[in-house]
N, C-alpha and C. Protein backbone atom coordinates (compact mmCIF):
# COMPACT_ATOMS: atom_id res chain seq x y z
N UNK A 1 0.38 -1.52 -0.18
CA UNK A 1 -0.07 -0.05 0.04
C UNK A 1 0.72 1.47 -0.08
N UNK A 2 0.61 1.78 -0.85
CA UNK A 2 1.46 3.70 -1.28
C UNK A 2 0.09 4.68 -0.55
N UNK A 3 1.01 5.66 -0.18
CA UNK A 3 0.13 6.83 -0.18
C UNK A 3 0.92 7.75 -1.30
N UNK A 4 -0.12 8.19 -2.38
CA UNK A 4 0.54 8.92 -3.30
C UNK A 4 -0.33 10.39 -3.52
N UNK A 5 0.43 11.27 -3.96
CA UNK A 5 0.26 12.33 -4.35
C UNK A 5 0.37 12.71 -5.47
N UNK A 6 -0.98 12.79 -6.14
CA UNK A 6 -0.87 12.84 -7.68
C UNK A 6 -1.25 13.93 -7.96
N UNK A 7 -0.95 14.98 -8.91
CA UNK A 7 -1.86 16.49 -9.12
C UNK A 7 -0.93 17.01 -10.58
N UNK A 8 -1.54 17.89 -10.90
CA UNK A 8 -1.04 18.80 -11.80
C UNK A 8 -0.27 20.30 -11.34
N UNK A 9 0.62 20.78 -11.77
CA UNK A 9 1.34 22.20 -11.44
C UNK A 9 1.55 22.57 -12.40
N UNK A 10 1.90 24.15 -12.25
CA UNK A 10 2.27 25.15 -13.09
C UNK A 10 3.94 24.56 -13.15
N UNK A 11 4.67 25.19 -14.29
CA UNK A 11 5.91 25.04 -14.18
C UNK A 11 6.77 25.87 -13.08
N UNK A 12 6.21 27.38 -12.70
CA UNK A 12 6.45 27.70 -11.51
C UNK A 12 5.98 27.31 -10.27
N UNK A 13 5.27 25.98 -9.77
CA UNK A 13 5.16 25.28 -8.97
C UNK A 13 3.69 25.48 -8.40
N UNK A 14 2.51 26.23 -8.57
CA UNK A 14 1.31 26.15 -8.27
C UNK A 14 0.11 25.11 -8.79
N UNK A 15 -0.59 24.98 -7.98
CA UNK A 15 -1.77 23.87 -8.02
C UNK A 15 -3.14 24.68 -8.70
N UNK A 16 -3.16 25.77 -7.96
CA UNK A 16 -4.25 26.77 -8.57
C UNK A 16 -3.58 28.38 -8.77
N UNK A 17 -4.54 29.10 -9.33
CA UNK A 17 -4.04 30.40 -9.43
C UNK A 17 -4.28 31.33 -7.98
N UNK A 18 -4.52 32.76 -7.92
CA UNK A 18 -4.63 33.40 -6.76
C UNK A 18 -6.14 33.31 -6.55
N UNK A 19 -6.76 32.81 -7.43
CA UNK A 19 -8.33 32.66 -7.35
C UNK A 19 -8.86 31.51 -7.02
N UNK A 20 -7.72 30.37 -7.01
CA UNK A 20 -8.25 28.91 -6.48
C UNK A 20 -9.03 28.34 -7.86
N UNK A 21 -8.26 28.68 -9.02
CA UNK A 21 -9.39 28.52 -10.24
C UNK A 21 -8.22 27.60 -11.07
N UNK A 22 -8.57 26.56 -11.35
CA UNK A 22 -7.94 25.36 -12.45
C UNK A 22 -8.03 25.70 -14.04
N UNK A 23 -8.92 26.86 -13.94
CA UNK A 23 -8.99 27.12 -15.44
C UNK A 23 -8.01 27.12 -16.61
N UNK A 24 -6.82 27.43 -15.82
CA UNK A 24 -5.46 27.69 -16.65
C UNK A 24 -5.03 26.27 -17.21
N UNK A 25 -5.45 24.95 -15.96
CA UNK A 25 -5.03 23.48 -16.26
C UNK A 25 -5.51 23.16 -17.64
N UNK A 26 -7.27 23.75 -17.47
CA UNK A 26 -8.01 22.97 -18.42
C UNK A 26 -7.66 23.57 -19.99
N UNK A 27 -7.04 24.37 -19.78
CA UNK A 27 -6.89 25.49 -21.38
C UNK A 27 -5.33 24.95 -21.82
N UNK A 28 -4.68 24.19 -21.34
CA UNK A 28 -3.42 23.83 -21.90
C UNK A 28 -3.85 22.52 -23.15
N UNK A 29 -3.36 22.85 -24.49
CA UNK A 29 -3.36 22.08 -25.42
C UNK A 29 -2.93 20.45 -25.01
N UNK A 30 -3.86 19.51 -25.43
CA UNK A 30 -3.20 18.26 -24.89
C UNK A 30 -3.51 17.73 -23.86
N UNK A 31 -4.35 18.60 -23.07
CA UNK A 31 -4.41 17.61 -21.86
C UNK A 31 -5.15 16.59 -21.63
N UNK A 32 -6.09 16.18 -22.64
CA UNK A 32 -6.38 15.20 -22.78
C UNK A 32 -5.55 13.68 -22.80
N UNK A 33 -4.10 14.24 -23.45
CA UNK A 33 -3.22 13.49 -23.61
C UNK A 33 -2.62 13.11 -22.26
N UNK A 34 -2.60 14.10 -21.33
CA UNK A 34 -1.66 13.88 -20.05
C UNK A 34 -2.66 13.17 -18.87
N UNK A 35 -4.06 12.96 -19.46
CA UNK A 35 -4.70 11.78 -18.43
C UNK A 35 -5.06 11.20 -18.70
N UNK A 36 -4.29 10.21 -20.04
CA UNK A 36 -4.54 9.24 -20.72
C UNK A 36 -4.51 7.90 -19.35
N UNK A 37 -3.53 8.26 -18.40
CA UNK A 37 -3.05 7.13 -17.63
C UNK A 37 -4.13 7.10 -16.90
N UNK A 38 -5.03 8.16 -16.50
CA UNK A 38 -5.81 8.03 -14.93
C UNK A 38 -6.65 6.92 -14.85
N UNK A 39 -6.79 6.29 -15.99
CA UNK A 39 -7.78 4.74 -15.25
C UNK A 39 -6.93 3.54 -14.88
N UNK A 40 -5.82 3.27 -15.79
CA UNK A 40 -4.91 3.04 -14.85
C UNK A 40 -4.83 3.31 -13.62
N UNK A 41 -4.25 4.39 -13.45
CA UNK A 41 -4.17 4.86 -12.23
C UNK A 41 -5.02 4.50 -10.86
N UNK A 42 -6.32 5.17 -11.47
CA UNK A 42 -7.34 4.56 -10.51
C UNK A 42 -7.94 3.39 -10.27
N UNK A 43 -7.32 2.36 -11.09
CA UNK A 43 -7.67 0.63 -10.81
C UNK A 43 -6.64 0.15 -9.41
N UNK A 44 -5.56 1.19 -9.26
CA UNK A 44 -4.40 1.22 -8.22
C UNK A 44 -5.06 1.69 -6.71
N UNK A 45 -6.14 2.06 -6.84
CA UNK A 45 -6.42 3.21 -6.07
C UNK A 45 -7.69 2.35 -5.16
N UNK A 46 -7.73 2.78 -3.74
CA UNK A 46 -8.88 2.27 -3.02
C UNK A 46 -9.07 3.26 -2.19
N UNK A 47 -9.02 4.20 -2.05
CA UNK A 47 -9.27 5.32 -0.78
C UNK A 47 -8.91 6.63 -1.50
N UNK A 48 -9.40 7.49 -1.48
CA UNK A 48 -8.78 9.22 -1.78
C UNK A 48 -9.13 9.98 -0.75
N UNK A 49 -7.92 11.24 -0.81
CA UNK A 49 -8.31 12.15 0.18
C UNK A 49 -8.29 13.69 -0.20
N UNK A 50 -8.99 14.66 -0.12
CA UNK A 50 -8.61 15.91 -0.34
C UNK A 50 -8.73 17.21 0.46
N UNK A 51 -8.18 18.21 0.12
CA UNK A 51 -8.61 19.30 0.99
C UNK A 51 -9.88 20.20 0.58
N UNK A 52 -10.61 20.71 1.32
CA UNK A 52 -11.78 21.42 1.31
C UNK A 52 -11.82 22.35 -0.48
N UNK A 53 -10.56 23.02 -0.05
CA UNK A 53 -10.38 24.06 -1.49
C UNK A 53 -10.74 22.63 -2.77
N UNK A 54 -9.78 21.88 -2.96
CA UNK A 54 -9.94 20.93 -4.21
C UNK A 54 -11.29 20.62 -4.05
N UNK A 55 -11.84 19.70 -3.29
CA UNK A 55 -13.23 19.26 -3.12
C UNK A 55 -14.30 20.21 -3.22
N UNK A 56 -14.27 21.69 -2.91
CA UNK A 56 -15.30 22.84 -2.90
C UNK A 56 -15.10 22.71 -4.90
N UNK A 57 -14.00 22.56 -5.50
CA UNK A 57 -13.80 23.61 -6.86
C UNK A 57 -14.50 22.23 -7.80
N UNK A 58 -14.41 21.09 -7.09
CA UNK A 58 -14.74 19.84 -7.53
C UNK A 58 -16.08 19.71 -7.74
N UNK A 59 -16.41 19.76 -7.01
CA UNK A 59 -18.31 19.75 -6.53
C UNK A 59 -18.74 21.44 -7.34
N UNK A 60 -18.10 22.40 -7.75
CA UNK A 60 -18.73 23.61 -7.98
C UNK A 60 -18.38 23.43 -9.58
N UNK A 61 -17.45 22.77 -10.24
CA UNK A 61 -17.08 22.83 -11.37
C UNK A 61 -17.29 21.66 -12.51
N UNK A 62 -17.80 20.38 -12.12
CA UNK A 62 -18.12 19.67 -12.54
C UNK A 62 -19.99 18.81 -12.56
N UNK A 63 -19.83 18.05 -13.29
CA UNK A 63 -21.95 17.73 -13.33
C UNK A 63 -22.04 16.97 -12.03
N UNK A 64 -22.68 16.67 -11.46
CA UNK A 64 -23.31 15.85 -10.14
C UNK A 64 -22.92 14.45 -10.45
N UNK A 65 -22.75 13.91 -11.81
CA UNK A 65 -22.63 12.47 -12.25
C UNK A 65 -20.98 12.15 -12.44
N UNK A 66 -20.26 13.40 -12.30
CA UNK A 66 -19.05 13.36 -12.49
C UNK A 66 -18.04 12.28 -11.22
N UNK A 67 -18.74 12.35 -10.09
CA UNK A 67 -17.48 11.62 -9.14
C UNK A 67 -17.64 10.28 -9.20
N UNK A 68 -19.26 10.07 -9.47
CA UNK A 68 -19.49 8.27 -9.40
C UNK A 68 -18.90 7.92 -10.80
N UNK A 69 -18.60 8.38 -11.83
CA UNK A 69 -18.44 8.32 -13.13
C UNK A 69 -16.89 8.11 -13.13
N UNK A 70 -16.19 9.15 -12.38
CA UNK A 70 -14.76 8.93 -12.28
C UNK A 70 -14.23 8.19 -10.92
N UNK A 71 -14.92 8.21 -9.78
CA UNK A 71 -14.37 7.49 -8.59
C UNK A 71 -14.96 6.49 -8.07
N UNK A 72 -16.32 6.30 -8.41
CA UNK A 72 -16.82 5.25 -8.32
C UNK A 72 -17.07 5.01 -6.75
N UNK A 73 -17.73 4.16 -5.80
CA UNK A 73 -17.92 4.25 -4.38
C UNK A 73 -16.73 4.36 -3.55
N UNK A 74 -15.28 4.46 -4.28
CA UNK A 74 -14.56 4.72 -3.30
C UNK A 74 -14.71 5.80 -1.92
N UNK A 75 -13.91 5.11 -1.22
CA UNK A 75 -14.52 5.98 0.23
C UNK A 75 -13.05 7.25 0.17
N UNK A 76 -13.83 8.56 0.42
CA UNK A 76 -13.14 9.78 0.05
C UNK A 76 -13.05 10.50 1.37
N UNK A 77 -12.05 10.74 1.97
CA UNK A 77 -11.40 11.89 3.24
C UNK A 77 -11.54 13.40 2.76
N UNK A 78 -12.46 14.13 3.34
CA UNK A 78 -12.26 15.75 2.90
C UNK A 78 -12.03 15.87 4.26
N UNK A 79 -10.66 16.81 4.10
CA UNK A 79 -10.18 17.52 5.50
C UNK A 79 -10.86 18.99 5.76
N UNK A 80 -11.24 19.52 6.32
CA UNK A 80 -12.20 20.92 6.29
C UNK A 80 -12.37 20.95 7.92
N UNK A 81 -12.70 22.48 7.48
CA UNK A 81 -12.59 23.30 9.02
C UNK A 81 -14.18 23.77 8.75
N UNK A 82 -15.05 23.29 7.81
CA UNK A 82 -16.39 24.40 7.21
C UNK A 82 -16.71 23.44 7.07
N UNK A 83 -18.25 24.15 6.62
CA UNK A 83 -19.27 22.88 6.37
C UNK A 83 -19.16 22.84 4.54
N UNK A 84 -19.29 21.65 4.24
CA UNK A 84 -19.00 21.88 2.63
C UNK A 84 -20.34 21.09 1.85
N UNK A 85 -20.52 21.24 0.66
CA UNK A 85 -21.64 20.69 -0.02
C UNK A 85 -21.74 19.24 -0.20
N UNK A 86 -22.43 18.13 -0.25
CA UNK A 86 -22.24 16.85 -0.54
C UNK A 86 -22.60 16.49 -1.63
N UNK A 87 -21.60 16.04 -2.46
CA UNK A 87 -21.65 15.62 -3.86
C UNK A 87 -22.55 14.24 -4.09
N UNK A 88 -23.44 14.30 -4.32
CA UNK A 88 -24.46 13.04 -4.64
C UNK A 88 -23.47 11.90 -5.20
N UNK A 89 -24.24 10.99 -4.77
CA UNK A 89 -23.49 10.00 -4.47
C UNK A 89 -22.11 9.32 -4.50
N UNK A 90 -21.36 10.41 -3.64
CA UNK A 90 -19.50 10.37 -3.44
C UNK A 90 -19.79 9.76 -1.89
N UNK A 91 -19.12 8.90 -1.43
CA UNK A 91 -18.65 8.08 -0.40
C UNK A 91 -18.07 9.09 -0.11
N UNK A 92 -18.07 10.36 0.92
CA UNK A 92 -17.23 11.23 1.50
C UNK A 92 -17.53 11.26 2.86
N UNK A 93 -16.47 11.40 4.18
CA UNK A 93 -16.54 11.45 5.33
C UNK A 93 -15.66 12.92 5.52
N UNK A 94 -16.25 13.90 6.12
CA UNK A 94 -15.34 14.95 6.42
C UNK A 94 -14.94 15.10 7.47
N UNK A 95 -13.88 15.23 7.66
CA UNK A 95 -12.75 15.16 8.83
C UNK A 95 -11.78 16.25 8.90
N UNK A 96 -11.57 16.55 10.25
CA UNK A 96 -10.44 17.55 10.74
C UNK A 96 -9.35 16.88 11.59
N UNK A 97 -8.65 17.48 11.87
CA UNK A 97 -7.06 17.29 12.72
C UNK A 97 -6.19 16.86 12.20
N UNK A 98 -5.19 16.45 12.61
CA UNK A 98 -3.99 15.66 12.52
C UNK A 98 -4.39 14.43 11.24
N UNK A 99 -3.45 13.91 10.56
CA UNK A 99 -3.93 13.22 9.43
C UNK A 99 -3.31 11.89 10.05
N UNK A 100 -2.54 11.29 10.85
CA UNK A 100 -2.37 9.81 11.45
C UNK A 100 -3.72 9.07 11.50
N UNK A 101 -4.37 9.65 12.39
CA UNK A 101 -5.86 8.30 12.56
C UNK A 101 -6.50 8.20 11.23
N UNK A 102 -6.72 9.37 10.51
CA UNK A 102 -7.37 9.63 9.26
C UNK A 102 -6.46 8.31 8.34
N UNK A 103 -5.56 8.73 8.29
CA UNK A 103 -4.59 7.69 7.51
C UNK A 103 -5.08 6.23 7.53
N UNK A 104 -4.93 5.71 9.01
CA UNK A 104 -5.29 4.06 9.55
C UNK A 104 -6.56 4.13 8.86
N UNK A 105 -7.30 5.31 8.77
CA UNK A 105 -8.54 4.46 8.44
C UNK A 105 -8.81 4.11 6.83
N UNK A 106 -7.78 5.45 6.20
CA UNK A 106 -7.93 5.09 4.69
C UNK A 106 -7.07 3.84 4.31
N UNK A 107 -6.52 3.18 5.24
CA UNK A 107 -5.28 1.93 4.87
C UNK A 107 -6.41 1.05 4.79
N UNK A 108 -7.05 0.92 6.29
CA UNK A 108 -8.13 0.22 6.44
C UNK A 108 -8.84 -0.04 4.82
N UNK A 109 -9.48 0.98 4.58
CA UNK A 109 -10.68 0.74 3.59
C UNK A 109 -10.49 0.39 2.14
N UNK A 110 -8.69 0.85 2.15
CA UNK A 110 -8.03 0.99 0.83
C UNK A 110 -7.77 -0.93 0.47
N UNK A 111 -7.32 -1.42 1.67
CA UNK A 111 -7.44 -2.87 1.45
C UNK A 111 -6.14 -2.98 1.02
N UNK A 112 -5.77 -3.92 0.22
CA UNK A 112 -4.59 -3.85 -0.92
C UNK A 112 -4.53 -3.07 -1.84
N UNK A 113 -5.06 -2.05 -1.66
CA UNK A 113 -4.69 -0.55 -2.85
C UNK A 113 -3.94 0.53 -2.29
N UNK A 114 -3.99 1.50 -3.10
CA UNK A 114 -3.17 2.81 -2.37
C UNK A 114 -4.29 3.34 -2.11
N UNK A 115 -3.39 4.76 -1.72
CA UNK A 115 -4.39 5.91 -1.14
C UNK A 115 -3.81 7.08 -1.85
N UNK A 116 -4.55 7.62 -2.47
CA UNK A 116 -4.44 8.94 -3.77
C UNK A 116 -4.70 10.39 -3.12
N UNK A 117 -3.73 11.05 -2.56
CA UNK A 117 -4.17 12.66 -1.98
C UNK A 117 -4.23 13.20 -3.13
N UNK A 118 -5.35 13.70 -3.49
CA UNK A 118 -5.71 14.37 -4.73
C UNK A 118 -4.95 15.81 -4.77
N UNK A 119 -5.01 16.43 -3.48
CA UNK A 119 -4.78 18.03 -3.45
C UNK A 119 -5.59 18.52 -2.03
N UNK A 120 -4.93 19.48 -1.74
CA UNK A 120 -4.11 20.32 -1.82
C UNK A 120 -2.87 20.04 -1.42
N UNK A 121 -1.84 21.19 -2.03
CA UNK A 121 -0.42 21.13 -0.98
C UNK A 121 -0.12 20.95 0.17
N UNK A 122 -1.09 21.71 0.76
CA UNK A 122 -0.87 22.04 2.32
C UNK A 122 -1.26 20.76 3.16
N UNK A 123 -2.55 20.07 2.55
CA UNK A 123 -2.93 18.51 2.89
C UNK A 123 -1.61 17.39 2.79
N UNK A 124 -1.15 17.60 1.22
CA UNK A 124 0.18 16.48 1.14
C UNK A 124 1.42 16.97 1.85
N UNK A 125 1.29 18.13 2.44
CA UNK A 125 2.50 18.69 3.04
C UNK A 125 2.33 17.91 4.44
N UNK A 126 1.21 17.92 5.07
CA UNK A 126 0.74 17.35 6.45
C UNK A 126 1.04 15.92 6.57
N UNK A 127 0.89 15.00 4.83
CA UNK A 127 0.95 13.63 5.43
C UNK A 127 3.07 13.73 5.25
N UNK A 128 3.16 14.30 4.43
CA UNK A 128 5.05 14.67 4.46
C UNK A 128 5.20 14.67 5.79
N UNK A 129 4.86 15.74 6.62
CA UNK A 129 5.24 15.82 7.77
C UNK A 129 5.15 14.95 8.63
N UNK A 130 4.35 13.74 8.53
CA UNK A 130 3.91 12.77 9.22
C UNK A 130 4.53 11.49 9.08
N UNK A 131 5.28 11.86 7.82
CA UNK A 131 6.11 10.26 7.07
C UNK A 131 5.31 9.72 6.15
N UNK A 132 3.79 9.96 5.97
CA UNK A 132 2.72 9.13 5.58
C UNK A 132 2.81 9.08 4.41
N UNK A 133 3.58 10.10 3.32
CA UNK A 133 3.47 10.40 1.91
C UNK A 133 4.68 9.33 1.52
N UNK A 134 4.42 8.58 0.37
CA UNK A 134 5.57 7.71 -0.34
C UNK A 134 5.84 7.72 -1.41
N UNK A 135 4.94 9.07 -2.41
CA UNK A 135 5.19 9.29 -3.56
C UNK A 135 4.56 10.24 -3.76
N UNK A 136 5.08 11.41 -4.84
CA UNK A 136 4.99 12.49 -5.30
C UNK A 136 4.89 12.30 -6.81
N UNK A 137 3.94 12.36 -7.61
CA UNK A 137 3.60 12.48 -9.13
C UNK A 137 2.92 13.76 -9.30
N UNK A 138 3.93 14.59 -10.03
CA UNK A 138 3.31 15.62 -10.83
C UNK A 138 3.42 16.11 -12.20
N UNK A 139 2.25 15.71 -12.94
CA UNK A 139 2.15 16.58 -14.50
C UNK A 139 2.71 18.04 -14.20
N UNK A 140 3.79 18.40 -15.02
CA UNK A 140 4.38 19.98 -14.41
C UNK A 140 3.64 20.30 -16.12
N UNK A 141 2.80 21.25 -15.98
CA UNK A 141 2.31 22.06 -17.31
C UNK A 141 3.02 23.15 -17.75
N UNK A 142 2.74 23.40 -18.85
CA UNK A 142 4.08 24.96 -19.83
C UNK A 142 2.84 25.83 -19.44
N UNK A 143 2.93 26.48 -18.14
CA UNK A 143 1.73 27.89 -17.82
C UNK A 143 2.87 28.23 -16.49
N UNK A 144 2.82 29.63 -16.62
CA UNK A 144 3.47 29.88 -15.23
C UNK A 144 2.34 30.81 -14.58
N UNK A 145 2.08 30.83 -13.40
CA UNK A 145 0.75 31.53 -12.68
C UNK A 145 1.51 32.46 -11.70
N UNK A 146 2.40 32.58 -11.57
CA UNK A 146 3.09 33.71 -10.89
C UNK A 146 2.69 33.93 -9.20
N UNK A 147 1.98 32.82 -8.90
CA UNK A 147 1.32 32.99 -7.41
C UNK A 147 0.00 31.80 -7.52
N UNK A 148 -0.68 31.70 -6.10
CA UNK A 148 -1.30 31.05 -5.97
C UNK A 148 -0.95 29.78 -4.90
N UNK A 149 -1.66 28.82 -5.46
CA UNK A 149 -1.34 27.64 -4.21
C UNK A 149 -0.22 26.62 -4.50
N UNK A 150 0.55 26.49 -3.66
CA UNK A 150 1.73 25.93 -4.12
C UNK A 150 1.87 24.54 -3.97
N UNK A 151 2.57 23.85 -4.80
CA UNK A 151 2.73 22.54 -4.83
C UNK A 151 2.87 21.68 -3.75
N UNK A 152 3.49 22.19 -2.31
CA UNK A 152 4.34 21.50 -1.64
C UNK A 152 4.43 22.53 -1.09
N UNK A 153 3.98 22.92 0.01
CA UNK A 153 4.76 24.08 0.72
C UNK A 153 5.30 23.58 2.25
N UNK A 154 6.33 22.95 1.82
CA UNK A 154 7.20 22.40 2.55
C UNK A 154 8.62 22.19 2.12
N UNK A 155 9.55 22.22 3.21
CA UNK A 155 10.92 22.08 2.54
C UNK A 155 11.22 20.47 3.04
N UNK A 156 11.18 19.95 1.72
CA UNK A 156 11.40 18.60 1.74
C UNK A 156 12.79 18.83 0.91
N UNK A 157 14.09 17.96 1.53
CA UNK A 157 14.84 18.17 0.77
C UNK A 157 15.59 16.92 -0.23
N UNK A 158 16.74 16.98 -1.07
CA UNK A 158 16.83 15.96 -1.80
C UNK A 158 17.34 14.51 -1.05
N UNK A 159 17.78 14.52 0.00
CA UNK A 159 17.86 13.13 0.72
C UNK A 159 16.68 12.52 1.33
N UNK A 160 15.83 13.12 1.37
CA UNK A 160 14.23 12.56 1.02
C UNK A 160 13.41 11.98 -0.33
N UNK A 161 14.44 12.30 -1.46
CA UNK A 161 13.28 12.31 -2.52
C UNK A 161 14.23 11.72 -3.83
N UNK A 162 13.51 10.71 -4.28
CA UNK A 162 14.30 10.07 -5.52
C UNK A 162 13.06 9.93 -6.41
N UNK A 163 13.79 10.47 -7.49
CA UNK A 163 13.14 10.35 -9.01
C UNK A 163 13.47 9.05 -9.31
N UNK A 164 12.02 8.56 -9.56
CA UNK A 164 12.00 7.21 -9.99
C UNK A 164 11.36 7.04 -11.88
N UNK A 165 10.77 8.26 -12.43
CA UNK A 165 10.35 7.84 -13.49
C UNK A 165 9.91 9.50 -13.93
N UNK A 166 10.57 9.63 -15.15
CA UNK A 166 9.84 10.87 -15.99
C UNK A 166 9.43 10.64 -17.46
N UNK A 167 8.16 11.07 -17.92
CA UNK A 167 7.26 10.75 -18.93
C UNK A 167 6.66 11.61 -19.31
N UNK A 168 6.62 11.71 -20.90
CA UNK A 168 6.10 13.20 -21.73
C UNK A 168 4.99 12.66 -21.66
N UNK A 169 4.15 13.25 -21.47
CA UNK A 169 2.56 13.00 -21.80
C UNK A 169 2.03 14.53 -22.75
N UNK A 170 2.11 14.59 -24.27
CA UNK A 170 1.85 15.44 -24.51
C UNK A 170 2.60 16.85 -24.17
N UNK A 171 1.93 17.86 -23.57
CA UNK A 171 2.71 19.20 -23.82
C UNK A 171 2.97 18.70 -21.96
N UNK A 172 2.57 17.98 -21.17
CA UNK A 172 3.15 17.74 -19.85
C UNK A 172 4.29 17.15 -19.45
N UNK A 173 5.17 17.19 -18.66
CA UNK A 173 6.32 16.16 -18.07
C UNK A 173 6.21 15.93 -16.84
N UNK A 174 5.38 14.51 -16.51
CA UNK A 174 5.23 13.80 -15.56
C UNK A 174 6.38 13.23 -15.18
N UNK A 175 6.61 13.74 -13.63
CA UNK A 175 7.53 13.36 -12.84
C UNK A 175 7.23 12.55 -11.53
N UNK A 176 7.76 11.56 -11.17
CA UNK A 176 7.60 10.73 -10.19
C UNK A 176 8.52 10.62 -9.19
N UNK A 177 8.06 11.07 -8.21
CA UNK A 177 9.31 10.86 -7.00
C UNK A 177 9.07 10.11 -5.71
N UNK A 178 9.86 8.89 -5.29
CA UNK A 178 9.64 8.21 -3.88
C UNK A 178 10.06 9.35 -2.68
N UNK A 179 9.18 9.22 -1.53
CA UNK A 179 9.61 9.41 -0.69
C UNK A 179 10.10 8.72 0.25
N UNK A 180 11.70 9.06 1.16
CA UNK A 180 12.00 8.05 1.86
C UNK A 180 12.27 8.52 3.42
């Protein structure tokens, strides 16, 4: 079982622009090619985890059937300190606090499959701080934003990260790092 942070980021290291929008990402030519592997990736995933802002953006910018079509009935934990809308047909648990006990629940729910931290960067950083983040996979996009939500707002030095794969996916460079 591996806890994986798989996301897209701008070339200058942001997940979302200063308005927490992903419109810049969806406008990249060949963006569909960059997500060709998502079906294979999802077959390995038994549980999901999101921060409140990522969850809110997904709820506001996708049709109601999107969740079921893409994530099925996989259990999902959303870290939040505020009340959020419930996405229809989503197997969601709203949680707060430290990540360790929630990670235990996710491991139990995922069985022999992996956990996907979808975003955001602060949440992934909390898992890294706790020694619970095993892999960072980033699709680097040909866009610079100059500000916004950072990919991983933590100092993680090269002695903890090992590059294990580089792949070109259309206009995206997919980088996979193992954390130790």
